[in-house]
Amino acid sequence: MKFLIPDFFRQLFKGVAAVHRNNAVALTVFEVEELENIFALLLLGSFVGFPSPPTFLAVELLPFMEKELRILNKRAKDSSDMFAEMCGTIGID
């Protein structure tokens, strides 16, 4: 019994450490995806009304933004504009 208690706590702490590591990795991946989305939105902000960077800079970076453009397009397809739906239901033009 004497040797089982330290082994139990050792295994418990290993499990807790693994859970925290997995959570940290998941949060880091989510943060990277959000930063990529923000970068794409800043670069292509003229489509939604934000001031855009100089055109030559945006055009030079477009070939490197394939992944970000796919993510931005997917988010645009998946999102629904609840405010527009409510205005359409009420009849506000």
Protein backbone atom coordinates (compact mmCIF):
# COMPACT_ATOMS: atom_id res chain seq x y z
CA MET A 1 0.00 0.00 0.00
CA LYS A 2 2.87 2.30 0.76
CA PHE A 3 4.16 2.27 -2.83
CA LEU A 4 0.73 2.54 -4.47
CA ILE A 5 -0.10 6.00 -3.11
CA PRO A 6 2.87 7.83 -4.72
CA ASP A 7 2.19 6.02 -8.00
CA PHE A 8 -1.44 7.09 -7.85
CA PHE A 9 -0.51 10.73 -7.33
CA ARG A 10 2.16 10.56 -10.02
CA GLN A 11 -0.39 9.24 -12.52
CA LEU A 12 -2.93 11.82 -11.38
CA PHE A 13 -0.51 14.69 -11.93
CA LYS A 14 0.49 13.30 -15.34
CA GLY A 15 -3.19 13.22 -16.33
CA VAL A 16 -3.80 16.76 -15.11
CA ALA A 17 -0.70 17.98 -16.98
CA ALA A 18 -1.86 16.28 -20.18
CA VAL A 19 -5.30 17.88 -19.94
CA HIS A 20 -3.80 21.34 -19.43
CA ARG A 21 -1.41 20.79 -22.33
CA ASN A 22 -4.29 19.77 -24.62
CA ASN A 23 -6.32 22.82 -23.57
CA ALA A 24 -3.37 25.13 -24.19
CA VAL A 25 -2.81 23.66 -27.66
CA ALA A 26 -6.50 23.97 -28.54
CA LEU A 27 -6.60 27.59 -27.41
CA THR A 28 -3.41 28.39 -29.33
CA VAL A 29 -4.80 26.86 -32.53
CA PHE A 30 -8.02 28.85 -32.10
CA GLU A 31 -6.05 32.06 -31.51
CA VAL A 32 -3.93 31.50 -34.62
CA GLU A 33 -7.06 30.99 -36.73
CA GLU A 34 -8.61 34.16 -35.36
CA LEU A 35 -5.42 36.14 -36.01
CA GLU A 36 -5.41 34.86 -39.60
CA ASN A 37 -9.01 35.97 -39.98
CA ILE A 38 -8.22 39.40 -38.57
CA PHE A 39 -5.26 39.75 -40.92
CA ALA A 40 -7.41 38.84 -43.92
CA LEU A 41 -10.09 41.26 -42.79
CA LEU A 42 -7.56 44.06 -42.38
CA LEU A 43 -6.06 43.38 -45.78
CA LEU A 44 -9.39 43.00 -47.56
CA GLY A 45 -11.34 45.39 -45.36
CA SER A 46 -12.51 47.51 -48.26
CA PHE A 47 -15.14 44.84 -48.98
CA VAL A 48 -16.82 45.49 -45.63
CA GLY A 49 -16.16 49.22 -45.31
CA PHE A 50 -12.88 49.32 -43.41
CA PRO A 51 -10.09 51.53 -44.69
CA SER A 52 -7.87 49.39 -46.86
CA PRO A 53 -4.10 49.31 -47.11
CA PRO A 54 -2.40 50.51 -50.28
CA THR A 55 -3.50 48.49 -53.29
CA PHE A 56 -0.02 47.40 -54.32
CA LEU A 57 0.52 45.88 -50.86
CA ALA A 58 -2.76 43.97 -50.96
CA VAL A 59 -2.09 42.70 -54.48
CA GLU A 60 1.41 41.52 -53.54
CA LEU A 61 0.10 39.60 -50.52
CA LEU A 62 -2.87 37.95 -52.25
CA PRO A 63 -0.93 34.90 -53.56
CA PHE A 64 0.12 34.09 -49.99
CA MET A 65 -3.41 34.40 -48.60
CA GLU A 66 -5.11 31.41 -50.19
CA LYS A 67 -5.83 29.72 -46.84
CA GLU A 68 -7.11 32.93 -45.26
CA LEU A 69 -9.38 33.64 -48.23
CA ARG A 70 -10.84 30.13 -48.01
CA ILE A 71 -11.49 30.59 -44.29
CA LEU A 72 -13.02 34.04 -44.86
CA ASN A 73 -15.26 32.65 -47.60
CA LYS A 74 -16.34 29.72 -45.41
CA ARG A 75 -17.21 32.07 -42.55
CA ALA A 76 -19.21 34.28 -44.89
CA LYS A 77 -21.19 31.27 -46.10
CA ASP A 78 -21.77 29.90 -42.60
CA SER A 79 -22.82 33.14 -40.97
CA SER A 80 -26.32 34.47 -41.06
CA ASP A 81 -27.17 38.11 -40.56
CA MET A 82 -29.79 38.06 -37.81
CA PHE A 83 -30.26 41.85 -37.92
CA ALA A 84 -31.06 41.71 -41.64
CA GLU A 85 -33.49 38.84 -41.08
CA MET A 86 -35.28 40.79 -38.33
CA CYS A 87 -35.45 43.92 -40.48
CA GLY A 88 -36.82 41.84 -43.37
CA THR A 89 -39.45 40.33 -41.11
CA ILE A 90 -40.55 43.70 -39.78
CA GLY A 91 -40.47 45.24 -43.25
CA ILE A 92 -37.74 47.83 -42.76
CA ASP A 93 -35.93 48.64 -45.99
